[in-house]
PDB file of N, CA and C in Angstrom:
ATOM      1  N   UNK A   1     -35.221  27.871  -2.551  1.00  0.00           N
ATOM      2  CA  UNK A   1     -34.063  26.679  -2.196  1.00  0.00           C
ATOM      3  C   UNK A   1     -33.666  26.813  -3.642  1.00  0.00           C
ATOM      4  N   UNK A   2     -32.310  27.323  -4.211  1.00  0.00           N
ATOM      5  CA  UNK A   2     -31.263  27.712  -5.193  1.00  0.00           C
ATOM      6  C   UNK A   2     -31.065  25.832  -5.625  1.00  0.00           C
ATOM      7  N   UNK A   3     -31.889  25.553  -6.633  1.00  0.00           N
ATOM      8  CA  UNK A   3     -31.967  24.082  -6.889  1.00  0.00           C
ATOM      9  C   UNK A   3     -30.859  23.629  -8.178  1.00  0.00           C
ATOM     10  N   UNK A   4     -29.565  23.192  -8.038  1.00  0.00           N
ATOM     11  CA  UNK A   4     -28.803  22.610  -9.222  1.00  0.00           C
ATOM     12  C   UNK A   4     -29.743  22.457 -10.556  1.00  0.00           C
ATOM     13  N   UNK A   5     -28.997  22.914 -10.975  1.00  0.00           N
ATOM     14  CA  UNK A   5     -29.589  23.605 -12.641  1.00  0.00           C
ATOM     15  C   UNK A   5     -30.002  21.572 -12.994  1.00  0.00           C
ATOM     16  N   UNK A   6     -29.552  20.619 -12.531  1.00  0.00           N
ATOM     17  CA  UNK A   6     -29.216  19.542 -13.151  1.00  0.00           C
ATOM     18  C   UNK A   6     -30.091  18.643 -12.747  1.00  0.00           C
ATOM     19  N   UNK A   7     -31.221  19.139 -11.341  1.00  0.00           N
ATOM     20  CA  UNK A   7     -31.697  18.441 -11.180  1.00  0.00           C
ATOM     21  C   UNK A   7     -33.363  19.555 -11.220  1.00  0.00           C
ATOM     22  N   UNK A   8     -33.111  20.748 -11.289  1.00  0.00           N
ATOM     23  CA  UNK A   8     -34.652  21.423 -11.051  1.00  0.00           C
ATOM     24  C   UNK A   8     -35.552  20.799 -12.278  1.00  0.00           C
ATOM     25  N   UNK A   9     -35.297  20.505 -13.698  1.00  0.00           N
ATOM     26  CA  UNK A   9     -36.642  19.612 -14.091  1.00  0.00           C
ATOM     27  C   UNK A   9     -36.892  18.051 -13.610  1.00  0.00           C
ATOM     28  N   UNK A  10     -35.788  17.453 -12.417  1.00  0.00           N
ATOM     29  CA  UNK A  10     -36.689  16.024 -12.478  1.00  0.00           C
ATOM     30  C   UNK A  10     -37.684  16.872 -11.007  1.00  0.00           C
ATOM     31  N   UNK A  11     -37.464  17.682 -10.145  1.00  0.00           N
ATOM     32  CA  UNK A  11     -37.488  18.384  -9.090  1.00  0.00           C
ATOM     33  C   UNK A  11     -39.141  18.230  -9.215  1.00  0.00           C
ATOM     34  N   UNK A  12     -39.005  19.718  -9.893  1.00  0.00           N
ATOM     35  CA  UNK A  12     -39.990  20.347 -10.923  1.00  0.00           C
ATOM     36  C   UNK A  12     -41.529  19.478 -11.328  1.00  0.00           C
ATOM     37  N   UNK A  13     -40.791  18.714 -11.679  1.00  0.00           N
ATOM     38  CA  UNK A  13     -42.026  17.058 -12.194  1.00  0.00           C
ATOM     39  C   UNK A  13     -42.557  16.478 -10.885  1.00  0.00           C
ATOM     40  N   UNK A  14     -41.485  16.324  -9.787  1.00  0.00           N
ATOM     41  CA  UNK A  14     -42.155  15.710  -8.632  1.00  0.00           C
ATOM     42  C   UNK A  14     -42.749  15.940  -8.074  1.00  0.00           C
ATOM     43  N   UNK A  15     -42.832  17.520  -8.115  1.00  0.00           N
ATOM     44  CA  UNK A  15     -43.340  18.016  -7.695  1.00  0.00           C
ATOM     45  C   UNK A  15     -44.826  18.736  -7.920  1.00  0.00           C
ATOM     46  N   UNK A  16     -44.648  18.276  -9.363  1.00  0.00           N
ATOM     47  CA  UNK A  16     -46.259  18.447 -10.090  1.00  0.00           C
ATOM     48  C   UNK A  16     -46.975  17.219  -9.350  1.00  0.00           C
ATOM     49  N   UNK A  17     -46.530  16.202  -8.964  1.00  0.00           N
ATOM     50  CA  UNK A  17     -47.004  14.517  -8.639  1.00  0.00           C
ATOM     51  C   UNK A  17     -47.212  14.114  -7.390  1.00  0.00           C
ATOM     52  N   UNK A  18     -46.966  15.483  -6.360  1.00  0.00           N
ATOM     53  CA  UNK A  18     -46.839  15.726  -5.116  1.00  0.00           C
ATOM     54  C   UNK A  18     -45.871  14.781  -4.689  1.00  0.00           C
ATOM     55  N   UNK A  19     -44.986  14.129  -5.109  1.00  0.00           N
ATOM     56  CA  UNK A  19     -43.699  13.177  -4.719  1.00  0.00           C
ATOM     57  C   UNK A  19     -42.789  13.909  -3.780  1.00  0.00           C
ATOM     58  N   UNK A  20     -42.694  15.642  -3.717  1.00  0.00           N
ATOM     59  CA  UNK A  20     -41.399  16.066  -2.849  1.00  0.00           C
ATOM     60  C   UNK A  20     -42.282  17.536  -2.188  1.00  0.00           C
ATOM     61  N   UNK A  21     -41.930  17.843  -1.330  1.00  0.00           N
ATOM     62  CA  UNK A  21     -42.160  18.908  -0.688  1.00  0.00           C
ATOM     63  C   UNK A  21     -41.155  19.573  -0.265  1.00  0.00           C
ATOM     64  N   UNK A  22     -41.021  21.089  -0.935  1.00  0.00           N
ATOM     65  CA  UNK A  22     -39.415  22.431  -0.121  1.00  0.00           C
ATOM     66  C   UNK A  22     -40.266  23.168   0.636  1.00  0.00           C
ATOM     67  N   UNK A  23     -39.054  23.770   1.215  1.00  0.00           N
ATOM     68  CA  UNK A  23     -39.224  24.752   1.460  1.00  0.00           C
ATOM     69  C   UNK A  23     -38.099  25.475   1.665  1.00  0.00           C
ATOM     70  N   UNK A  24     -37.744  27.114   2.807  1.00  0.00           N
ATOM     71  CA  UNK A  24     -36.661  27.225   2.013  1.00  0.00           C
ATOM     72  C   UNK A  24     -34.677  26.280   2.397  1.00  0.00           C
ATOM     73  N   UNK A  25     -35.198  25.525   3.244  1.00  0.00           N
ATOM     74  CA  UNK A  25     -34.070  24.864   3.770  1.00  0.00           C
ATOM     75  C   UNK A  25     -34.081  23.134   3.055  1.00  0.00           C
ATOM     76  N   UNK A  26     -35.236  22.681   3.057  1.00  0.00           N
ATOM     77  CA  UNK A  26     -34.808  21.242   2.675  1.00  0.00           C
ATOM     78  C   UNK A  26     -36.164  20.952   1.953  1.00  0.00           C
ATOM     79  N   UNK A  27     -35.971  19.826   1.027  1.00  0.00           N
ATOM     80  CA  UNK A  27     -36.447  19.242   0.452  1.00  0.00           C
ATOM     81  C   UNK A  27     -36.754  17.571   0.920  1.00  0.00           C
ATOM     82  N   UNK A  28     -38.126  17.418   0.684  1.00  0.00           N
ATOM     83  CA  UNK A  28     -38.299  15.987   1.501  1.00  0.00           C
ATOM     84  C   UNK A  28     -39.160  15.302   1.097  1.00  0.00           C
ATOM     85  N   UNK A  29     -39.684  13.859   1.085  1.00  0.00           N
ATOM     86  CA  UNK A  29     -40.624  13.427   0.037  1.00  0.00           C
ATOM     87  C   UNK A  29     -41.942  13.121   1.125  1.00  0.00           C
ATOM     88  N   UNK A  30     -43.145  13.303   0.264  1.00  0.00           N
ATOM     89  CA  UNK A  30     -44.450  13.353   1.156  1.00  0.00           C
ATOM     90  C   UNK A  30     -44.921  12.161   1.078  1.00  0.00           C
ATOM     91  N   UNK A  31     -45.648  12.039   1.818  1.00  0.00           N
ATOM     92  CA  UNK A  31     -45.676  10.855   2.664  1.00  0.00           C
ATOM     93  C   UNK A  31     -46.525   9.569   0.800  1.00  0.00           C
ATOM     94  N   UNK A  32     -46.956  10.376   0.001  1.00  0.00           N
ATOM     95  CA  UNK A  32     -46.833   9.349  -1.671  1.00  0.00           C
ATOM     96  C   UNK A  32     -45.777   9.521  -1.923  1.00  0.00           C
ATOM     97  N   UNK A  33     -44.443  10.310  -1.791  1.00  0.00           N
ATOM     98  CA  UNK A  33     -43.228   9.641  -2.326  1.00  0.00           C
ATOM     99  C   UNK A  33     -42.712   8.936  -1.069  1.00  0.00           C
ATOM    100  N   UNK A  34     -42.486   8.413   0.411  1.00  0.00           N
ATOM    101  CA  UNK A  34     -42.456   7.778   0.656  1.00  0.00           C
ATOM    102  C   UNK A  34     -42.460   6.880   0.145  1.00  0.00           C
ATOM    103  N   UNK A  35     -43.978   6.201  -0.270  1.00  0.00           N
ATOM    104  CA  UNK A  35     -44.272   4.909  -1.330  1.00  0.00           C
ATOM    105  C   UNK A  35     -43.745   4.803  -2.349  1.00  0.00           C
ATOM    106  N   UNK A  36     -43.232   5.749  -3.120  1.00  0.00           N
ATOM    107  CA  UNK A  36     -42.672   5.743  -4.174  1.00  0.00           C
ATOM    108  C   UNK A  36     -40.836   5.941  -4.319  1.00  0.00           C
ATOM    109  N   UNK A  37     -40.368   5.876  -2.738  1.00  0.00           N
ATOM    110  CA  UNK A  37     -39.471   6.377  -2.515  1.00  0.00           C
ATOM    111  C   UNK A  37     -37.943   5.714  -3.387  1.00  0.00           C
ATOM    112  N   UNK A  38     -38.203   4.094  -4.456  1.00  0.00           N
ATOM    113  CA  UNK A  38     -37.264   3.173  -4.488  1.00  0.00           C
ATOM    114  C   UNK A  38     -37.336   3.575  -6.027  1.00  0.00           C
ATOM    115  N   UNK A  39     -38.457   4.682  -6.272  1.00  0.00           N
ATOM    116  CA  UNK A  39     -39.026   4.926  -7.546  1.00  0.00           C
ATOM    117  C   UNK A  39     -38.330   6.426  -8.204  1.00  0.00           C
ATOM    118  N   UNK A  40     -38.410   7.035  -7.516  1.00  0.00           N
ATOM    119  CA  UNK A  40     -37.838   8.612  -7.271  1.00  0.00           C
ATOM    120  C   UNK A  40     -36.513   8.916  -6.922  1.00  0.00           C
ATOM    121  N   UNK A  41     -35.384   7.944  -6.009  1.00  0.00           N
ATOM    122  CA  UNK A  41     -34.474   8.197  -5.768  1.00  0.00           C
ATOM    123  C   UNK A  41     -34.083   7.452  -7.872  1.00  0.00           C
ATOM    124  N   UNK A  42     -34.561   6.907  -8.574  1.00  0.00           N
ATOM    125  CA  UNK A  42     -33.843   6.624  -9.867  1.00  0.00           C
ATOM    126  C   UNK A  42     -34.147   7.857 -10.399  1.00  0.00           C
ATOM    127  N   UNK A  43     -34.966   8.134 -10.396  1.00  0.00           N
ATOM    128  CA  UNK A  43     -34.687   9.435 -10.775  1.00  0.00           C
ATOM    129  C   UNK A  43     -33.479  10.941 -11.225  1.00  0.00           C
ATOM    130  N   UNK A  44     -32.735  10.170  -9.967  1.00  0.00           N
ATOM    131  CA  UNK A  44     -31.532  11.321 -10.131  1.00  0.00           C
ATOM    132  C   UNK A  44     -30.247  10.956 -10.247  1.00  0.00           C
ATOM    133  N   UNK A  45     -30.236   9.223 -10.981  1.00  0.00           N
ATOM    134  CA  UNK A  45     -29.176   8.752 -11.377  1.00  0.00           C
ATOM    135  C   UNK A  45     -28.922   8.666 -12.511  1.00  0.00           C
ATOM    136  N   UNK A  46     -27.305   9.003 -12.929  1.00  0.00           N
ATOM    137  CA  UNK A  46     -27.176   9.203 -13.658  1.00  0.00           C
ATOM    138  C   UNK A  46     -27.719   8.373 -14.867  1.00  0.00           C
ATOM    139  N   UNK A  47     -27.908   8.028 -16.463  1.00  0.00           N
ATOM    140  CA  UNK A  47     -28.391   7.229 -17.234  1.00  0.00           C
ATOM    141  C   UNK A  47     -27.687   5.952 -17.328  1.00  0.00           C
ATOM    142  N   UNK A  48     -26.298   6.059 -17.122  1.00  0.00           N
ATOM    143  CA  UNK A  48     -25.211   5.225 -17.063  1.00  0.00           C
ATOM    144  C   UNK A  48     -25.308   4.107 -16.324  1.00  0.00           C
ATOM    145  N   UNK A  49     -26.061   4.997 -15.137  1.00  0.00           N
ATOM    146  CA  UNK A  49     -26.028   3.945 -13.561  1.00  0.00           C
ATOM    147  C   UNK A  49     -27.215   3.656 -13.262  1.00  0.00           C
ATOM    148  N   UNK A  50     -28.035   3.881 -14.400  1.00  0.00           N
ATOM    149  CA  UNK A  50     -29.501   3.378 -13.622  1.00  0.00           C
ATOM    150  C   UNK A  50     -28.974   1.524 -14.069  1.00  0.00           C
ATOM    151  N   UNK A  51     -29.711   1.079 -12.726  1.00  0.00           N
ATOM    152  CA  UNK A  51     -29.188  -0.422 -12.828  1.00  0.00           C
ATOM    153  C   UNK A  51     -30.614  -2.209 -13.621  1.00  0.00           C
ATOM    154  N   UNK A  52     -31.151  -0.719 -14.038  1.00  0.00           N
ATOM    155  CA  UNK A  52     -32.144  -2.119 -15.446  1.00  0.00           C
ATOM    156  C   UNK A  52     -31.838  -1.051 -16.822  1.00  0.00           C
ATOM    157  N   UNK A  53     -32.611  -2.089 -17.598  1.00  0.00           N
ATOM    158  CA  UNK A  53     -32.584  -1.367 -19.132  1.00  0.00           C
ATOM    159  C   UNK A  53     -33.771  -0.839 -19.146  1.00  0.00           C
ATOM    160  N   UNK A  54     -33.847  -0.061 -20.100  1.00  0.00           N
ATOM    161  CA  UNK A  54     -35.135   1.243 -20.485  1.00  0.00           C
ATOM    162  C   UNK A  54     -36.594  -0.202 -20.562  1.00  0.00           C
ATOM    163  N   UNK A  55     -36.165  -0.760 -21.149  1.00  0.00           N
ATOM    164  CA  UNK A  55     -37.692  -2.230 -21.240  1.00  0.00           C
ATOM    165  C   UNK A  55     -37.810  -2.588 -20.268  1.00  0.00           C
ATOM    166  N   UNK A  56     -37.067  -2.352 -19.384  1.00  0.00           N
ATOM    167  CA  UNK A  56     -37.763  -2.592 -17.729  1.00  0.00           C
ATOM    168  C   UNK A  56     -39.049  -2.095 -16.959  1.00  0.00           C
ATOM    169  N   UNK A  57     -38.727  -0.786 -17.842  1.00  0.00           N
ATOM    170  CA  UNK A  57     -39.500   0.543 -17.284  1.00  0.00           C
ATOM    171  C   UNK A  57     -40.710   0.941 -17.669  1.00  0.00           C
ATOM    172  N   UNK A  58     -42.292   0.820 -17.039  1.00  0.00           N
ATOM    173  CA  UNK A  58     -42.834   1.305 -17.548  1.00  0.00           C
ATOM    174  C   UNK A  58     -43.046   2.936 -18.642  1.00  0.00           C
ATOM    175  N   UNK A  59     -43.495   3.511 -19.469  1.00  0.00           N
ATOM    176  CA  UNK A  59     -43.700   4.717 -19.695  1.00  0.00           C
ATOM    177  C   UNK A  59     -44.328   5.562 -18.888  1.00  0.00           C
ATOM    178  N   UNK A  60     -43.894   6.399 -18.300  1.00  0.00           N
ATOM    179  CA  UNK A  60     -44.854   7.272 -17.241  1.00  0.00           C
ATOM    180  C   UNK A  60     -43.759   7.974 -16.108  1.00  0.00           C
ATOM    181  N   UNK A  61     -44.162   8.848 -15.247  1.00  0.00           N
ATOM    182  CA  UNK A  61     -43.096   9.126 -14.824  1.00  0.00           C
ATOM    183  C   UNK A  61     -42.309   8.893 -13.933  1.00  0.00           C
ATOM    184  N   UNK A  62     -42.078   8.123 -13.397  1.00  0.00           N
ATOM    185  CA  UNK A  62     -41.483   7.740 -12.848  1.00  0.00           C
ATOM    186  C   UNK A  62     -40.358   6.565 -13.930  1.00  0.00           C
ATOM    187  N   UNK A  63     -39.759   6.638 -14.520  1.00  0.00           N
ATOM    188  CA  UNK A  63     -39.390   5.820 -15.315  1.00  0.00           C
ATOM    189  C   UNK A  63     -38.340   6.870 -15.569  1.00  0.00           C
ATOM    190  N   UNK A  64     -37.153   6.324 -15.018  1.00  0.00           N
ATOM    191  CA  UNK A  64     -35.834   7.191 -14.923  1.00  0.00           C
ATOM    192  C   UNK A  64     -34.998   7.362 -16.292  1.00  0.00           C
ATOM    193  N   UNK A  65     -35.579   7.151 -17.231  1.00  0.00           N
ATOM    194  CA  UNK A  65     -35.091   6.929 -18.823  1.00  0.00           C
ATOM    195  C   UNK A  65     -35.830   8.322 -19.187  1.00  0.00           C
ATOM    196  N   UNK A  66     -36.422   8.644 -18.574  1.00  0.00           N
ATOM    197  CA  UNK A  66     -37.554   9.780 -19.366  1.00  0.00           C
ATOM    198  C   UNK A  66     -37.308  10.981 -18.905  1.00  0.00           C
ATOM    199  N   UNK A  67     -37.078  11.302 -17.905  1.00  0.00           N
ATOM    200  CA  UNK A  67     -36.278  12.453 -17.141  1.00  0.00           C
ATOM    201  C   UNK A  67     -35.155  12.823 -17.573  1.00  0.00           C
ATOM    202  N   UNK A  68     -34.385  12.029 -17.372  1.00  0.00           N
ATOM    203  CA  UNK A  68     -32.678  11.495 -17.820  1.00  0.00           C
ATOM    204  C   UNK A  68     -32.128  12.286 -19.489  1.00  0.00           C
ATOM    205  N   UNK A  69     -33.432  11.923 -20.352  1.00  0.00           N
ATOM    206  CA  UNK A  69     -32.880  12.281 -21.474  1.00  0.00           C
ATOM    207  C   UNK A  69     -32.701  13.579 -22.108  1.00  0.00           C
TER     208      UNK A  69
END
């Protein structure tokens, strides 16, 4: 699947943590990804539209401000 360059970095990182899987036509959450679905979705928000400030999130892979910087 050809990935939009804007999301490539995010998708690669969450694939490393087994949160999503992809084949030629589909990208979907894994069982672990479903558990963290709300956090995974936030990674795709534009930084100006993340509903809470940076101080609300712990440092780590699911911090939307880290991958969106």
